[in-house]
Amino acid sequence: MRKVSTLMLRAAAMTLGLGLATAGLAHGSMKPKHGGVVAMSGETLVELVRGPKGVSVYVSEEDEPLASSGMSGKLVITAGAKKREAPLRAAAGNRFDAPGLKLASGNKVAVVLLNKATQARSLVSFTIK
């Protein structure tokens, strides 16, 4: 009887361990794929990338790219007491661009996205380092 109980406990522990490992992966990877910084809003992962030609934003859900053509977006940049907005242009795949935009260290940046079909909004914020 004791041998059966031990086997059952081991099986239950292994099942629980597998369940916890799977739960940790449910939302996809939080690693940047384009050299930027990432944040989540619900199920939506947003990566903000600063480059020499401006700012790009990549959007995905559970590691699957979301087409930028189905969304509109903007950046709200706060520097001290000053606030400004920059529109995001849908680009190829899951990318949005804000050409020519420069972000300085210390800026707070909110990425605001709107799904055109469902009107669902996603908002994530970053502090530029």
N, C-alpha and C. Protein backbone atom coordinates (compact mmCIF):
# COMPACT_ATOMS: atom_id res chain seq x y z
N MET A 1 0.82 -1.20 0.00
CA MET A 1 0.00 0.00 0.00
C MET A 1 0.86 1.25 0.00
N ARG A 2 1.92 1.23 0.82
CA ARG A 2 2.79 2.39 0.92
C ARG A 2 3.48 2.67 -0.42
N LYS A 3 3.85 1.62 -1.15
CA LYS A 3 4.52 1.77 -2.44
C LYS A 3 3.58 2.45 -3.44
N VAL A 4 2.32 2.10 -3.44
CA VAL A 4 1.34 2.69 -4.35
C VAL A 4 1.15 4.16 -4.01
N SER A 5 1.07 4.52 -2.74
CA SER A 5 0.91 5.92 -2.33
C SER A 5 2.11 6.76 -2.77
N THR A 6 3.30 6.22 -2.63
CA THR A 6 4.51 6.95 -3.03
C THR A 6 4.50 7.19 -4.54
N LEU A 7 4.11 6.17 -5.30
CA LEU A 7 4.04 6.33 -6.76
C LEU A 7 3.00 7.37 -7.15
N MET A 8 1.87 7.35 -6.47
CA MET A 8 0.82 8.33 -6.77
C MET A 8 1.28 9.75 -6.44
N LEU A 9 1.98 9.92 -5.33
CA LEU A 9 2.50 11.25 -4.97
C LEU A 9 3.51 11.74 -6.00
N ARG A 10 4.38 10.84 -6.45
CA ARG A 10 5.37 11.23 -7.47
C ARG A 10 4.68 11.63 -8.77
N ALA A 11 3.68 10.86 -9.18
CA ALA A 11 2.96 11.18 -10.41
C ALA A 11 2.24 12.52 -10.29
N ALA A 12 1.62 12.76 -9.13
CA ALA A 12 0.93 14.04 -8.92
C ALA A 12 1.92 15.20 -8.96
N ALA A 13 3.08 15.02 -8.32
CA ALA A 13 4.10 16.09 -8.30
C ALA A 13 4.61 16.37 -9.71
N MET A 14 4.82 15.33 -10.50
CA MET A 14 5.31 15.54 -11.87
C MET A 14 4.25 16.26 -12.71
N THR A 15 3.00 15.87 -12.54
CA THR A 15 1.92 16.52 -13.28
C THR A 15 1.81 17.98 -12.91
N LEU A 16 1.90 18.28 -11.62
CA LEU A 16 1.84 19.66 -11.15
C LEU A 16 3.02 20.46 -11.69
N GLY A 17 4.20 19.87 -11.68
CA GLY A 17 5.39 20.55 -12.19
C GLY A 17 5.27 20.87 -13.67
N LEU A 18 4.74 19.94 -14.45
CA LEU A 18 4.54 20.19 -15.88
C LEU A 18 3.50 21.29 -16.09
N GLY A 19 2.46 21.30 -15.29
CA GLY A 19 1.42 22.33 -15.40
C GLY A 19 1.98 23.70 -15.10
N LEU A 20 2.82 23.81 -14.09
CA LEU A 20 3.40 25.11 -13.75
C LEU A 20 4.36 25.58 -14.83
N ALA A 21 5.13 24.67 -15.40
CA ALA A 21 6.06 25.04 -16.47
C ALA A 21 5.30 25.55 -17.69
N THR A 22 4.21 24.90 -18.02
CA THR A 22 3.40 25.32 -19.16
C THR A 22 2.74 26.66 -18.89
N ALA A 23 2.25 26.89 -17.67
CA ALA A 23 1.60 28.15 -17.33
C ALA A 23 2.56 29.32 -17.48
N GLY A 24 3.83 29.12 -17.19
CA GLY A 24 4.81 30.18 -17.32
C GLY A 24 5.04 30.59 -18.76
N LEU A 25 4.76 29.69 -19.70
CA LEU A 25 4.98 29.98 -21.11
C LEU A 25 3.71 30.43 -21.83
N ALA A 26 2.61 30.51 -21.12
CA ALA A 26 1.32 30.78 -21.75
C ALA A 26 1.27 32.08 -22.53
N HIS A 27 2.00 33.09 -22.11
CA HIS A 27 1.90 34.40 -22.77
C HIS A 27 3.01 34.63 -23.77
N GLY A 28 3.88 33.67 -23.97
CA GLY A 28 4.96 33.84 -24.92
C GLY A 28 6.19 34.45 -24.26
N SER A 29 7.18 34.69 -25.05
CA SER A 29 8.46 35.18 -24.56
C SER A 29 8.45 36.68 -24.31
N MET A 30 9.07 37.08 -23.22
CA MET A 30 9.21 38.51 -22.91
C MET A 30 10.57 39.03 -23.40
N LYS A 31 11.31 38.23 -24.16
CA LYS A 31 12.60 38.67 -24.68
C LYS A 31 12.40 39.54 -25.91
N PRO A 32 13.12 40.66 -25.99
CA PRO A 32 13.02 41.50 -27.20
C PRO A 32 13.51 40.74 -28.42
N LYS A 33 12.79 40.86 -29.52
CA LYS A 33 13.18 40.20 -30.76
C LYS A 33 13.84 41.15 -31.74
N HIS A 34 13.76 42.46 -31.45
CA HIS A 34 14.26 43.47 -32.40
C HIS A 34 15.24 44.44 -31.73
N GLY A 35 15.76 44.06 -30.56
CA GLY A 35 16.75 44.89 -29.88
C GLY A 35 16.17 46.03 -29.05
N GLY A 36 14.88 45.99 -28.77
CA GLY A 36 14.25 47.05 -28.00
C GLY A 36 13.95 46.64 -26.58
N VAL A 37 12.93 47.26 -26.01
CA VAL A 37 12.44 46.93 -24.68
C VAL A 37 10.99 46.49 -24.82
N VAL A 38 10.55 45.58 -23.94
CA VAL A 38 9.21 45.03 -24.06
C VAL A 38 8.37 45.29 -22.83
N ALA A 39 7.07 45.34 -23.04
CA ALA A 39 6.08 45.45 -21.97
C ALA A 39 4.81 44.77 -22.45
N MET A 40 3.98 44.38 -21.49
CA MET A 40 2.71 43.71 -21.84
C MET A 40 1.51 44.52 -21.40
N SER A 41 0.45 44.40 -22.19
CA SER A 41 -0.86 44.94 -21.84
C SER A 41 -1.84 43.80 -22.06
N GLY A 42 -2.30 43.18 -20.99
CA GLY A 42 -3.16 42.01 -21.12
C GLY A 42 -2.41 40.90 -21.83
N GLU A 43 -2.89 40.48 -22.97
CA GLU A 43 -2.25 39.44 -23.78
C GLU A 43 -1.32 40.01 -24.84
N THR A 44 -1.29 41.33 -24.98
CA THR A 44 -0.55 41.98 -26.06
C THR A 44 0.85 42.36 -25.60
N LEU A 45 1.85 41.91 -26.34
CA LEU A 45 3.25 42.24 -26.07
C LEU A 45 3.68 43.34 -27.03
N VAL A 46 4.28 44.39 -26.51
CA VAL A 46 4.73 45.53 -27.31
C VAL A 46 6.23 45.69 -27.12
N GLU A 47 6.95 45.81 -28.23
CA GLU A 47 8.39 46.06 -28.19
C GLU A 47 8.67 47.42 -28.81
N LEU A 48 9.31 48.29 -28.06
CA LEU A 48 9.68 49.64 -28.49
C LEU A 48 11.16 49.64 -28.86
N VAL A 49 11.46 50.07 -30.09
CA VAL A 49 12.83 50.05 -30.59
C VAL A 49 13.22 51.45 -31.05
N ARG A 50 14.30 51.97 -30.47
CA ARG A 50 14.84 53.26 -30.93
C ARG A 50 15.95 52.98 -31.93
N GLY A 51 15.93 53.73 -33.04
CA GLY A 51 16.95 53.55 -34.06
C GLY A 51 17.38 54.88 -34.62
N PRO A 52 18.38 54.88 -35.49
CA PRO A 52 18.88 56.12 -36.07
C PRO A 52 17.86 56.84 -36.95
N LYS A 53 16.89 56.11 -37.49
CA LYS A 53 15.89 56.71 -38.38
C LYS A 53 14.57 57.00 -37.69
N GLY A 54 14.49 56.70 -36.38
CA GLY A 54 13.25 56.95 -35.65
C GLY A 54 12.94 55.83 -34.69
N VAL A 55 11.65 55.67 -34.40
CA VAL A 55 11.18 54.69 -33.43
C VAL A 55 10.28 53.69 -34.15
N SER A 56 10.45 52.41 -33.79
CA SER A 56 9.57 51.36 -34.30
C SER A 56 8.92 50.66 -33.12
N VAL A 57 7.72 50.17 -33.35
CA VAL A 57 6.97 49.42 -32.34
C VAL A 57 6.50 48.12 -33.00
N TYR A 58 6.76 47.00 -32.32
CA TYR A 58 6.33 45.69 -32.80
C TYR A 58 5.29 45.14 -31.84
N VAL A 59 4.24 44.53 -32.39
CA VAL A 59 3.12 44.06 -31.57
C VAL A 59 2.89 42.56 -31.82
N SER A 60 2.75 41.81 -30.75
CA SER A 60 2.46 40.38 -30.88
C SER A 60 1.59 39.91 -29.72
N GLU A 61 1.06 38.73 -29.89
CA GLU A 61 0.24 38.11 -28.86
C GLU A 61 0.61 36.64 -28.80
N GLU A 62 1.10 36.18 -27.65
CA GLU A 62 1.55 34.80 -27.48
C GLU A 62 2.53 34.40 -28.58
N ASP A 63 3.51 35.24 -28.81
CA ASP A 63 4.57 35.03 -29.81
C ASP A 63 4.09 35.04 -31.26
N GLU A 64 2.84 35.40 -31.50
CA GLU A 64 2.32 35.52 -32.86
C GLU A 64 2.20 36.99 -33.22
N PRO A 65 2.79 37.41 -34.34
CA PRO A 65 2.69 38.82 -34.74
C PRO A 65 1.24 39.23 -35.01
N LEU A 66 0.89 40.43 -34.60
CA LEU A 66 -0.42 41.01 -34.91
C LEU A 66 -0.23 42.02 -36.02
N ALA A 67 -0.99 41.91 -37.08
CA ALA A 67 -0.83 42.79 -38.24
C ALA A 67 -1.10 44.24 -37.86
N SER A 68 -0.14 45.09 -38.11
CA SER A 68 -0.31 46.51 -37.80
C SER A 68 -1.38 47.16 -38.67
N SER A 69 -1.65 46.56 -39.82
CA SER A 69 -2.67 47.13 -40.72
C SER A 69 -4.06 47.10 -40.10
N GLY A 70 -4.28 46.25 -39.11
CA GLY A 70 -5.57 46.17 -38.44
C GLY A 70 -5.68 47.07 -37.23
N MET A 71 -4.67 47.91 -37.03
CA MET A 71 -4.64 48.77 -35.85
C MET A 71 -4.20 50.19 -36.20
N SER A 72 -4.48 51.09 -35.31
CA SER A 72 -3.92 52.44 -35.38
C SER A 72 -3.19 52.67 -34.06
N GLY A 73 -2.29 53.63 -34.05
CA GLY A 73 -1.54 53.85 -32.82
C GLY A 73 -0.89 55.21 -32.75
N LYS A 74 -0.46 55.53 -31.54
CA LYS A 74 0.28 56.77 -31.32
C LYS A 74 1.18 56.58 -30.12
N LEU A 75 2.16 57.45 -30.02
CA LEU A 75 3.04 57.52 -28.86
C LEU A 75 2.72 58.82 -28.13
N VAL A 76 2.65 58.73 -26.82
CA VAL A 76 2.50 59.93 -25.98
C VAL A 76 3.80 60.03 -25.19
N ILE A 77 4.56 61.09 -25.46
CA ILE A 77 5.88 61.27 -24.86
C ILE A 77 5.81 62.38 -23.82
N THR A 78 6.28 62.05 -22.61
CA THR A 78 6.31 63.04 -21.54
C THR A 78 7.76 63.29 -21.16
N ALA A 79 8.15 64.56 -21.20
CA ALA A 79 9.50 64.98 -20.80
C ALA A 79 9.32 66.10 -19.78
N GLY A 80 9.53 65.76 -18.51
CA GLY A 80 9.27 66.76 -17.46
C GLY A 80 7.79 67.07 -17.43
N ALA A 81 7.45 68.36 -17.58
CA ALA A 81 6.05 68.78 -17.57
C ALA A 81 5.47 68.87 -18.98
N LYS A 82 6.31 68.64 -20.00
CA LYS A 82 5.84 68.75 -21.39
C LYS A 82 5.38 67.40 -21.91
N LYS A 83 4.26 67.43 -22.62
CA LYS A 83 3.70 66.22 -23.22
C LYS A 83 3.47 66.48 -24.70
N ARG A 84 3.82 65.49 -25.53
CA ARG A 84 3.58 65.60 -26.97
C ARG A 84 3.16 64.24 -27.49
N GLU A 85 2.54 64.24 -28.66
CA GLU A 85 2.11 63.00 -29.28
C GLU A 85 2.78 62.83 -30.63
N ALA A 86 3.01 61.58 -30.99
CA ALA A 86 3.56 61.24 -32.30
C ALA A 86 2.75 60.08 -32.87
N PRO A 87 2.23 60.25 -34.09
CA PRO A 87 1.45 59.15 -34.68
C PRO A 87 2.35 57.99 -35.06
N LEU A 88 1.79 56.79 -34.98
CA LEU A 88 2.48 55.59 -35.45
C LEU A 88 1.88 55.20 -36.80
N ARG A 89 2.77 54.96 -37.76
CA ARG A 89 2.34 54.53 -39.10
C ARG A 89 2.47 53.02 -39.20
N ALA A 90 1.40 52.37 -39.66
CA ALA A 90 1.47 50.93 -39.89
C ALA A 90 2.51 50.64 -40.96
N ALA A 91 3.36 49.67 -40.70
CA ALA A 91 4.40 49.27 -41.65
C ALA A 91 4.21 47.78 -41.94
N ALA A 92 5.24 47.13 -42.44
CA ALA A 92 5.14 45.72 -42.81
C ALA A 92 4.92 44.84 -41.58
N GLY A 93 4.10 43.82 -41.76
CA GLY A 93 3.89 42.83 -40.70
C GLY A 93 3.29 43.42 -39.44
N ASN A 94 3.99 43.23 -38.33
CA ASN A 94 3.49 43.69 -37.03
C ASN A 94 4.21 44.94 -36.55
N ARG A 95 4.77 45.71 -37.47
CA ARG A 95 5.58 46.89 -37.11
C ARG A 95 4.83 48.19 -37.37
N PHE A 96 5.02 49.12 -36.46
CA PHE A 96 4.60 50.51 -36.63
C PHE A 96 5.87 51.36 -36.63
N ASP A 97 5.86 52.49 -37.34
CA ASP A 97 7.01 53.38 -37.37
C ASP A 97 6.60 54.81 -37.02
N ALA A 98 7.52 55.49 -36.35
CA ALA A 98 7.44 56.93 -36.12
C ALA A 98 8.75 57.49 -36.65
N PRO A 99 8.82 57.72 -37.99
CA PRO A 99 10.08 58.14 -38.61
C PRO A 99 10.55 59.49 -38.08
N GLY A 100 11.86 59.57 -37.86
CA GLY A 100 12.47 60.82 -37.43
C GLY A 100 12.31 61.14 -35.95
N LEU A 101 11.54 60.35 -35.22
CA LEU A 101 11.31 60.63 -33.80
C LEU A 101 12.52 60.23 -32.97
N LYS A 102 12.96 61.13 -32.13
CA LYS A 102 14.07 60.86 -31.21
C LYS A 102 13.52 60.88 -29.79
N LEU A 103 13.90 59.89 -29.01
CA LEU A 103 13.50 59.81 -27.61
C LEU A 103 14.73 59.98 -26.73
N ALA A 104 14.65 60.88 -25.78
CA ALA A 104 15.78 61.15 -24.90
C ALA A 104 15.68 60.32 -23.63
N SER A 105 16.82 60.09 -23.00
CA SER A 105 16.83 59.39 -21.71
C SER A 105 15.95 60.13 -20.73
N GLY A 106 15.18 59.37 -19.97
CA GLY A 106 14.28 59.97 -19.00
C GLY A 106 12.87 60.21 -19.52
N ASN A 107 12.70 60.22 -20.86
CA ASN A 107 11.35 60.37 -21.41
C ASN A 107 10.47 59.21 -20.95
N LYS A 108 9.22 59.52 -20.69
CA LYS A 108 8.23 58.48 -20.44
C LYS A 108 7.41 58.38 -21.73
N VAL A 109 7.24 57.16 -22.21
CA VAL A 109 6.56 56.95 -23.49
C VAL A 109 5.42 55.97 -23.29
N ALA A 110 4.22 56.40 -23.64
CA ALA A 110 3.06 55.51 -23.64
C ALA A 110 2.77 55.13 -25.08
N VAL A 111 2.60 53.85 -25.32
CA VAL A 111 2.20 53.35 -26.64
C VAL A 111 0.71 53.05 -26.53
N VAL A 112 -0.07 53.73 -27.37
CA VAL A 112 -1.52 53.55 -27.37
C VAL A 112 -1.91 52.92 -28.70
N LEU A 113 -2.53 51.74 -28.63
CA LEU A 113 -2.94 51.01 -29.84
C LEU A 113 -4.44 50.78 -29.81
N LEU A 114 -5.05 50.87 -30.98
CA LEU A 114 -6.49 50.65 -31.11
C LEU A 114 -6.72 49.61 -32.20
N ASN A 115 -7.41 48.52 -31.85
CA ASN A 115 -7.78 47.51 -32.82
C ASN A 115 -8.97 48.07 -33.60
N LYS A 116 -8.81 48.24 -34.92
CA LYS A 116 -9.85 48.86 -35.74
C LYS A 116 -11.14 48.03 -35.77
N ALA A 117 -11.04 46.72 -35.74
CA ALA A 117 -12.22 45.86 -35.84
C ALA A 117 -13.01 45.80 -34.54
N THR A 118 -12.31 45.65 -33.41
CA THR A 118 -13.01 45.45 -32.13
C THR A 118 -13.07 46.70 -31.27
N GLN A 119 -12.30 47.72 -31.64
CA GLN A 119 -12.17 48.95 -30.86
C GLN A 119 -11.48 48.72 -29.51
N ALA A 120 -10.86 47.56 -29.33
CA ALA A 120 -10.12 47.27 -28.09
C ALA A 120 -8.86 48.13 -28.06
N ARG A 121 -8.57 48.69 -26.91
CA ARG A 121 -7.38 49.53 -26.73
C ARG A 121 -6.33 48.79 -25.91
N SER A 122 -5.07 49.00 -26.28
CA SER A 122 -3.95 48.51 -25.50
C SER A 122 -3.07 49.70 -25.17
N LEU A 123 -2.58 49.73 -23.95
CA LEU A 123 -1.71 50.82 -23.51
C LEU A 123 -0.57 50.23 -22.72
N VAL A 124 0.64 50.54 -23.12
CA VAL A 124 1.83 50.16 -22.35
C VAL A 124 2.71 51.39 -22.21
N SER A 125 3.50 51.41 -21.16
CA SER A 125 4.38 52.56 -20.98
C SER A 125 5.80 52.12 -20.70
N PHE A 126 6.72 52.98 -21.10
CA PHE A 126 8.14 52.74 -20.96
C PHE A 126 8.79 54.01 -20.41
N THR A 127 9.88 53.83 -19.70
CA THR A 127 10.75 54.95 -19.34
C THR A 127 12.06 54.72 -20.07
N ILE A 128 12.45 55.68 -20.89
CA ILE A 128 13.64 55.54 -21.73
C ILE A 128 14.88 55.70 -20.85
N LYS A 129 15.80 54.78 -20.99
CA LYS A 129 17.05 54.81 -20.21
C LYS A 129 18.19 55.32 -21.04
